[in-house]
Amino acid sequence: VVGLPAEDLRVEQETATWNMFLSGMADGK
């Protein structure tokens, strides 16, 4: 589980798409 502060999702543009992934896996990918 991970908590994202709602204010961190705001951007200067009126619309945007946040892509996401997990980092720190054993294979480094």
PDB file of all heavy atoms in Angstrom:
ATOM      1  N   VAL A   1       0.861  -1.170   0.000  1.00  0.00           N
ATOM      2  CA  VAL A   1       0.000   0.000   0.000  1.00  0.00           C
ATOM      3  C   VAL A   1       0.902   1.225   0.000  1.00  0.00           C
ATOM      4  O   VAL A   1       1.983   1.220   0.597  1.00  0.00           O
ATOM      5  CB  VAL A   1      -0.955   0.001   1.219  1.00  0.00           C
ATOM      6  CG1 VAL A   1      -0.164   0.043   2.519  1.00  0.00           C
ATOM      7  CG2 VAL A   1      -1.913   1.175   1.146  1.00  0.00           C
ATOM      8  N   VAL A   2       0.485   2.269  -0.699  1.00  0.00           N
ATOM      9  CA  VAL A   2       1.245   3.508  -0.742  1.00  0.00           C
ATOM     10  C   VAL A   2       0.255   4.671  -0.732  1.00  0.00           C
ATOM     11  O   VAL A   2      -0.815   4.596  -1.358  1.00  0.00           O
ATOM     12  CB  VAL A   2       2.156   3.572  -2.002  1.00  0.00           C
ATOM     13  CG1 VAL A   2       1.354   3.432  -3.262  1.00  0.00           C
ATOM     14  CG2 VAL A   2       2.972   4.849  -2.024  1.00  0.00           C
ATOM     15  N   GLY A   3       0.588   5.709   0.031  1.00  0.00           N
ATOM     16  CA  GLY A   3      -0.283   6.880   0.107  1.00  0.00           C
ATOM     17  C   GLY A   3       0.296   8.042  -0.681  1.00  0.00           C
ATOM     18  O   GLY A   3       1.446   8.429  -0.483  1.00  0.00           O
ATOM     19  N   LEU A   4      -0.510   8.597  -1.590  1.00  0.00           N
ATOM     20  CA  LEU A   4      -0.091   9.744  -2.398  1.00  0.00           C
ATOM     21  C   LEU A   4      -0.805  10.989  -1.890  1.00  0.00           C
ATOM     22  O   LEU A   4      -2.042  11.032  -1.884  1.00  0.00           O
ATOM     23  CB  LEU A   4      -0.456   9.540  -3.875  1.00  0.00           C
ATOM     24  CG  LEU A   4      -0.005   8.253  -4.556  1.00  0.00           C
ATOM     25  CD1 LEU A   4      -0.485   8.251  -5.991  1.00  0.00           C
ATOM     26  CD2 LEU A   4       1.498   8.119  -4.486  1.00  0.00           C
ATOM     27  N   PRO A   5      -0.078  12.017  -1.461  1.00  0.00           N
ATOM     28  CA  PRO A   5      -0.749  13.269  -1.096  1.00  0.00           C
ATOM     29  C   PRO A   5      -1.496  13.831  -2.306  1.00  0.00           C
ATOM     30  O   PRO A   5      -0.925  13.941  -3.402  1.00  0.00           O
ATOM     31  CB  PRO A   5       0.414  14.178  -0.680  1.00  0.00           C
ATOM     32  CG  PRO A   5       1.531  13.250  -0.330  1.00  0.00           C
ATOM     33  CD  PRO A   5       1.375  12.069  -1.238  1.00  0.00           C
ATOM     34  N   ALA A   6      -2.748  14.175  -2.145  1.00  0.00           N
ATOM     35  CA  ALA A   6      -3.548  14.668  -3.268  1.00  0.00           C
ATOM     36  C   ALA A   6      -2.932  15.912  -3.898  1.00  0.00           C
ATOM     37  O   ALA A   6      -2.976  16.094  -5.117  1.00  0.00           O
ATOM     38  CB  ALA A   6      -4.975  14.954  -2.811  1.00  0.00           C
ATOM     39  N   GLU A   7      -2.306  16.744  -3.076  1.00  0.00           N
ATOM     40  CA  GLU A   7      -1.733  17.974  -3.609  1.00  0.00           C
ATOM     41  C   GLU A   7      -0.558  17.691  -4.554  1.00  0.00           C
ATOM     42  O   GLU A   7      -0.238  18.500  -5.418  1.00  0.00           O
ATOM     43  CB  GLU A   7      -1.283  18.885  -2.480  1.00  0.00           C
ATOM     44  CG  GLU A   7      -0.188  18.302  -1.604  1.00  0.00           C
ATOM     45  CD  GLU A   7       0.219  19.249  -0.491  1.00  0.00           C
ATOM     46  OE1 GLU A   7      -0.424  20.317  -0.394  1.00  0.00           O
ATOM     47  OE2 GLU A   7       1.161  18.924   0.258  1.00  0.00           O
ATOM     48  N   ASP A   8       0.085  16.521  -4.418  1.00  0.00           N
ATOM     49  CA  ASP A   8       1.206  16.180  -5.292  1.00  0.00           C
ATOM     50  C   ASP A   8       0.750  15.829  -6.710  1.00  0.00           C
ATOM     51  O   ASP A   8       1.572  15.756  -7.621  1.00  0.00           O
ATOM     52  CB  ASP A   8       1.988  14.994  -4.717  1.00  0.00           C
ATOM     53  CG  ASP A   8       2.854  15.403  -3.536  1.00  0.00           C
ATOM     54  OD1 ASP A   8       2.772  16.591  -3.139  1.00  0.00           O
ATOM     55  OD2 ASP A   8       3.591  14.554  -3.025  1.00  0.00           O
ATOM     56  N   LEU A   9      -0.548  15.579  -6.880  1.00  0.00           N
ATOM     57  CA  LEU A   9      -1.055  15.220  -8.205  1.00  0.00           C
ATOM     58  C   LEU A   9      -1.319  16.448  -9.060  1.00  0.00           C
ATOM     59  O   LEU A   9      -1.519  16.329 -10.269  1.00  0.00           O
ATOM     60  CB  LEU A   9      -2.341  14.398  -8.067  1.00  0.00           C
ATOM     61  CG  LEU A   9      -2.210  13.059  -7.325  1.00  0.00           C
ATOM     62  CD1 LEU A   9      -3.589  12.422  -7.177  1.00  0.00           C
ATOM     63  CD2 LEU A   9      -1.276  12.121  -8.082  1.00  0.00           C
ATOM     64  N   ARG A  10      -1.350  17.618  -8.463  1.00  0.00           N
ATOM     65  CA  ARG A  10      -1.647  18.835  -9.216  1.00  0.00           C
ATOM     66  C   ARG A  10      -0.495  19.203 -10.130  1.00  0.00           C
ATOM     67  O   ARG A  10       0.678  18.998  -9.800  1.00  0.00           O
ATOM     68  CB  ARG A  10      -1.939  19.985  -8.262  1.00  0.00           C
ATOM     69  CG  ARG A  10      -3.097  19.724  -7.317  1.00  0.00           C
ATOM     70  CD  ARG A  10      -3.179  20.812  -6.265  1.00  0.00           C
ATOM     71  NE  ARG A  10      -4.179  20.511  -5.246  1.00  0.00           N
ATOM     72  CZ  ARG A  10      -4.275  21.150  -4.092  1.00  0.00           C
ATOM     73  NH1 ARG A  10      -3.429  22.129  -3.822  1.00  0.00           N
ATOM     74  NH2 ARG A  10      -5.202  20.821  -3.226  1.00  0.00           N
ATOM     75  N   VAL A  11      -0.822  19.753 -11.273  1.00  0.00           N
ATOM     76  CA  VAL A  11       0.184  20.183 -12.244  1.00  0.00           C
ATOM     77  C   VAL A  11      -0.188  21.578 -12.731  1.00  0.00           C
ATOM     78  O   VAL A  11      -1.294  22.071 -12.488  1.00  0.00           O
ATOM     79  CB  VAL A  11       0.258  19.209 -13.441  1.00  0.00           C
ATOM     80  CG1 VAL A  11       0.861  17.889 -13.021  1.00  0.00           C
ATOM     81  CG2 VAL A  11      -1.124  19.002 -14.049  1.00  0.00           C
ATOM     82  N   GLU A  12       0.736  22.222 -13.440  1.00  0.00           N
ATOM     83  CA  GLU A  12       0.472  23.555 -13.954  1.00  0.00           C
ATOM     84  C   GLU A  12      -0.548  23.514 -15.085  1.00  0.00           C
ATOM     85  O   GLU A  12      -1.313  24.450 -15.281  1.00  0.00           O
ATOM     86  CB  GLU A  12       1.775  24.196 -14.432  1.00  0.00           C
ATOM     87  CG  GLU A  12       2.752  24.493 -13.307  1.00  0.00           C
ATOM     88  CD  GLU A  12       3.978  25.230 -13.800  1.00  0.00           C
ATOM     89  OE1 GLU A  12       4.041  25.515 -15.016  1.00  0.00           O
ATOM     90  OE2 GLU A  12       4.865  25.522 -12.979  1.00  0.00           O
ATOM     91  N   GLN A  13      -0.540  22.438 -15.881  1.00  0.00           N
ATOM     92  CA  GLN A  13      -1.507  22.314 -16.961  1.00  0.00           C
ATOM     93  C   GLN A  13      -2.895  21.992 -16.407  1.00  0.00           C
ATOM     94  O   GLN A  13      -3.038  21.562 -15.273  1.00  0.00           O
ATOM     95  CB  GLN A  13      -1.096  21.204 -17.943  1.00  0.00           C
ATOM     96  CG  GLN A  13       0.332  21.333 -18.449  1.00  0.00           C
ATOM     97  CD  GLN A  13       1.291  20.491 -17.627  1.00  0.00           C
ATOM     98  OE1 GLN A  13       1.187  20.442 -16.406  1.00  0.00           O
ATOM     99  NE2 GLN A  13       2.215  19.841 -18.294  1.00  0.00           N
ATOM    100  N   GLU A  14      -3.912  22.183 -17.254  1.00  0.00           N
ATOM    101  CA  GLU A  14      -5.274  21.862 -16.830  1.00  0.00           C
ATOM    102  C   GLU A  14      -5.513  20.359 -16.829  1.00  0.00           C
ATOM    103  O   GLU A  14      -6.370  19.859 -16.103  1.00  0.00           O
ATOM    104  CB  GLU A  14      -6.292  22.558 -17.730  1.00  0.00           C
ATOM    105  CG  GLU A  14      -6.331  24.072 -17.557  1.00  0.00           C
ATOM    106  CD  GLU A  14      -7.508  24.697 -18.263  1.00  0.00           C
ATOM    107  OE1 GLU A  14      -8.296  23.958 -18.891  1.00  0.00           O
ATOM    108  OE2 GLU A  14      -7.655  25.932 -18.186  1.00  0.00           O
ATOM    109  N   THR A  15      -4.785  19.619 -17.659  1.00  0.00           N
ATOM    110  CA  THR A  15      -4.921  18.163 -17.703  1.00  0.00           C
ATOM    111  C   THR A  15      -3.527  17.540 -17.767  1.00  0.00           C
ATOM    112  O   THR A  15      -2.599  18.127 -18.320  1.00  0.00           O
ATOM    113  CB  THR A  15      -5.730  17.696 -18.927  1.00  0.00           C
ATOM    114  OG1 THR A  15      -5.054  18.088 -20.128  1.00  0.00           O
ATOM    115  CG2 THR A  15      -7.125  18.292 -18.907  1.00  0.00           C
ATOM    116  N   ALA A  16      -3.390  16.353 -17.220  1.00  0.00           N
ATOM    117  CA  ALA A  16      -2.116  15.639 -17.274  1.00  0.00           C
ATOM    118  C   ALA A  16      -2.364  14.174 -16.945  1.00  0.00           C
ATOM    119  O   ALA A  16      -3.395  13.809 -16.366  1.00  0.00           O
ATOM    120  CB  ALA A  16      -1.096  16.245 -16.315  1.00  0.00           C
ATOM    121  N   THR A  17      -1.416  13.333 -17.322  1.00  0.00           N
ATOM    122  CA  THR A  17      -1.473  11.911 -16.997  1.00  0.00           C
ATOM    123  C   THR A  17      -0.195  11.524 -16.277  1.00  0.00           C
ATOM    124  O   THR A  17       0.913  11.709 -16.798  1.00  0.00           O
ATOM    125  CB  THR A  17      -1.623  11.054 -18.266  1.00  0.00           C
ATOM    126  OG1 THR A  17      -2.847  11.400 -18.928  1.00  0.00           O
ATOM    127  CG2 THR A  17      -1.649   9.573 -17.917  1.00  0.00           C
ATOM    128  N   TRP A  18      -0.354  11.010 -15.071  1.00  0.00           N
ATOM    129  CA  TRP A  18       0.778  10.511 -14.284  1.00  0.00           C
ATOM    130  C   TRP A  18       0.954   9.024 -14.578  1.00  0.00           C
ATOM    131  O   TRP A  18       0.047   8.227 -14.349  1.00  0.00           O
ATOM    132  CB  TRP A  18       0.531  10.694 -12.796  1.00  0.00           C
ATOM    133  CG  TRP A  18       0.564  12.106 -12.301  1.00  0.00           C
ATOM    134  CD1 TRP A  18      -0.496  12.934 -12.119  1.00  0.00           C
ATOM    135  CD2 TRP A  18       1.724  12.836 -11.901  1.00  0.00           C
ATOM    136  NE1 TRP A  18      -0.089  14.145 -11.637  1.00  0.00           N
ATOM    137  CE2 TRP A  18       1.285  14.124 -11.494  1.00  0.00           C
ATOM    138  CE3 TRP A  18       3.091  12.554 -11.841  1.00  0.00           C
ATOM    139  CZ2 TRP A  18       2.161  15.096 -11.040  1.00  0.00           C
ATOM    140  CZ3 TRP A  18       3.958  13.529 -11.390  1.00  0.00           C
ATOM    141  CH2 TRP A  18       3.498  14.779 -10.996  1.00  0.00           C
ATOM    142  N   ASN A  19       2.119   8.629 -15.088  1.00  0.00           N
ATOM    143  CA  ASN A  19       2.453   7.215 -15.237  1.00  0.00           C
ATOM    144  C   ASN A  19       3.229   6.775 -13.996  1.00  0.00           C
ATOM    145  O   ASN A  19       3.920   7.584 -13.362  1.00  0.00           O
ATOM    146  CB  ASN A  19       3.300   6.996 -16.489  1.00  0.00           C
ATOM    147  CG  ASN A  19       2.518   7.305 -17.755  1.00  0.00           C
ATOM    148  OD1 ASN A  19       1.441   6.750 -17.966  1.00  0.00           O
ATOM    149  ND2 ASN A  19       3.029   8.199 -18.573  1.00  0.00           N
ATOM    150  N   MET A  20       3.114   5.512 -13.649  1.00  0.00           N
ATOM    151  CA  MET A  20       3.745   5.062 -12.406  1.00  0.00           C
ATOM    152  C   MET A  20       4.284   3.652 -12.529  1.00  0.00           C
ATOM    153  O   MET A  20       3.798   2.843 -13.351  1.00  0.00           O
ATOM    154  CB  MET A  20       2.792   5.185 -11.231  1.00  0.00           C
ATOM    155  CG  MET A  20       1.424   4.574 -11.420  1.00  0.00           C
ATOM    156  SD  MET A  20       0.322   5.025 -10.045  1.00  0.00           S
ATOM    157  CE  MET A  20       0.307   6.801 -10.153  1.00  0.00           C
ATOM    158  N   PHE A  21       5.314   3.372 -11.714  1.00  0.00           N
ATOM    159  CA  PHE A  21       5.915   2.047 -11.666  1.00  0.00           C
ATOM    160  C   PHE A  21       6.588   1.861 -10.316  1.00  0.00           C
ATOM    161  O   PHE A  21       6.780   2.825  -9.558  1.00  0.00           O
ATOM    162  CB  PHE A  21       6.918   1.850 -12.807  1.00  0.00           C
ATOM    163  CG  PHE A  21       8.066   2.835 -12.799  1.00  0.00           C
ATOM    164  CD1 PHE A  21       9.230   2.568 -12.087  1.00  0.00           C
ATOM    165  CD2 PHE A  21       7.977   4.019 -13.511  1.00  0.00           C
ATOM    166  CE1 PHE A  21      10.284   3.462 -12.080  1.00  0.00           C
ATOM    167  CE2 PHE A  21       9.030   4.922 -13.519  1.00  0.00           C
ATOM    168  CZ  PHE A  21      10.192   4.647 -12.801  1.00  0.00           C
ATOM    169  N   LEU A  22       6.959   0.617 -10.005  1.00  0.00           N
ATOM    170  CA  LEU A  22       7.686   0.311  -8.787  1.00  0.00           C
ATOM    171  C   LEU A  22       9.179   0.291  -9.080  1.00  0.00           C
ATOM    172  O   LEU A  22       9.616  -0.242 -10.103  1.00  0.00           O
ATOM    173  CB  LEU A  22       7.251  -1.044  -8.218  1.00  0.00           C
ATOM    174  CG  LEU A  22       5.802  -1.141  -7.719  1.00  0.00           C
ATOM    175  CD1 LEU A  22       5.520  -2.546  -7.210  1.00  0.00           C
ATOM    176  CD2 LEU A  22       5.524  -0.113  -6.623  1.00  0.00           C
ATOM    177  N   SER A  23       9.952   0.861  -8.183  1.00  0.00           N
ATOM    178  CA  SER A  23      11.409   0.871  -8.301  1.00  0.00           C
ATOM    179  C   SER A  23      12.014   0.199  -7.076  1.00  0.00           C
ATOM    180  O   SER A  23      11.345   0.030  -6.054  1.00  0.00           O
ATOM    181  CB  SER A  23      11.913   2.315  -8.426  1.00  0.00           C
ATOM    182  OG  SER A  23      13.317   2.357  -8.564  1.00  0.00           O
ATOM    183  N   GLY A  24      13.286  -0.183  -7.194  1.00  0.00           N
ATOM    184  CA  GLY A  24      13.974  -0.824  -6.080  1.00  0.00           C
ATOM    185  C   GLY A  24      13.828  -2.325  -6.066  1.00  0.00           C
ATOM    186  O   GLY A  24      14.080  -2.969  -5.033  1.00  0.00           O
ATOM    187  N   MET A  25      13.434  -2.909  -7.209  1.00  0.00           N
ATOM    188  CA  MET A  25      13.314  -4.364  -7.276  1.00  0.00           C
ATOM    189  C   MET A  25      14.705  -4.977  -7.371  1.00  0.00           C
ATOM    190  O   MET A  25      15.699  -4.321  -7.704  1.00  0.00           O
ATOM    191  CB  MET A  25      12.474  -4.779  -8.480  1.00  0.00           C
ATOM    192  CG  MET A  25      11.120  -4.069  -8.570  1.00  0.00           C
ATOM    193  SD  MET A  25      10.122  -4.210  -7.061  1.00  0.00           S
ATOM    194  CE  MET A  25       9.729  -5.953  -7.096  1.00  0.00           C
ATOM    195  N   ALA A  26      14.798  -6.281  -7.098  1.00  0.00           N
ATOM    196  CA  ALA A  26      16.094  -6.965  -7.011  1.00  0.00           C
ATOM    197  C   ALA A  26      16.865  -6.905  -8.317  1.00  0.00           C
ATOM    198  O   ALA A  26      18.098  -6.806  -8.318  1.00  0.00           O
ATOM    199  CB  ALA A  26      15.868  -8.423  -6.592  1.00  0.00           C
ATOM    200  N   ASP A  27      16.160  -6.949  -9.463  1.00  0.00           N
ATOM    201  CA  ASP A  27      16.861  -6.940 -10.749  1.00  0.00           C
ATOM    202  C   ASP A  27      17.167  -5.525 -11.225  1.00  0.00           C
ATOM    203  O   ASP A  27      17.745  -5.328 -12.304  1.00  0.00           O
ATOM    204  CB  ASP A  27      16.061  -7.680 -11.814  1.00  0.00           C
ATOM    205  CG  ASP A  27      14.666  -7.103 -12.008  1.00  0.00           C
ATOM    206  OD1 ASP A  27      14.360  -6.036 -11.427  1.00  0.00           O
ATOM    207  OD2 ASP A  27      13.878  -7.705 -12.754  1.00  0.00           O
ATOM    208  N   GLY A  28      16.745  -4.506 -10.472  1.00  0.00           N
ATOM    209  CA  GLY A  28      17.040  -3.123 -10.825  1.00  0.00           C
ATOM    210  C   GLY A  28      16.177  -2.542 -11.919  1.00  0.00           C
ATOM    211  O   GLY A  28      16.355  -1.385 -12.307  1.00  0.00           O
ATOM    212  N   LYS A  29      15.235  -3.303 -12.432  1.00  0.00           N
ATOM    213  CA  LYS A  29      14.394  -2.829 -13.529  1.00  0.00           C
ATOM    214  C   LYS A  29      13.094  -2.224 -12.986  1.00  0.00           C
ATOM    215  O   LYS A  29      12.548  -2.703 -11.990  1.00  0.00           O
ATOM    216  CB  LYS A  29      14.057  -3.986 -14.473  1.00  0.00           C
ATOM    217  CG  LYS A  29      15.265  -4.584 -15.171  1.00  0.00           C
ATOM    218  CD  LYS A  29      14.849  -5.733 -16.080  1.00  0.00           C
ATOM    219  CE  LYS A  29      16.051  -6.348 -16.780  1.00  0.00           C
ATOM    220  NZ  LYS A  29      15.654  -7.475 -17.661  1.00  0.00           N
TER     221      LYS A  29
END
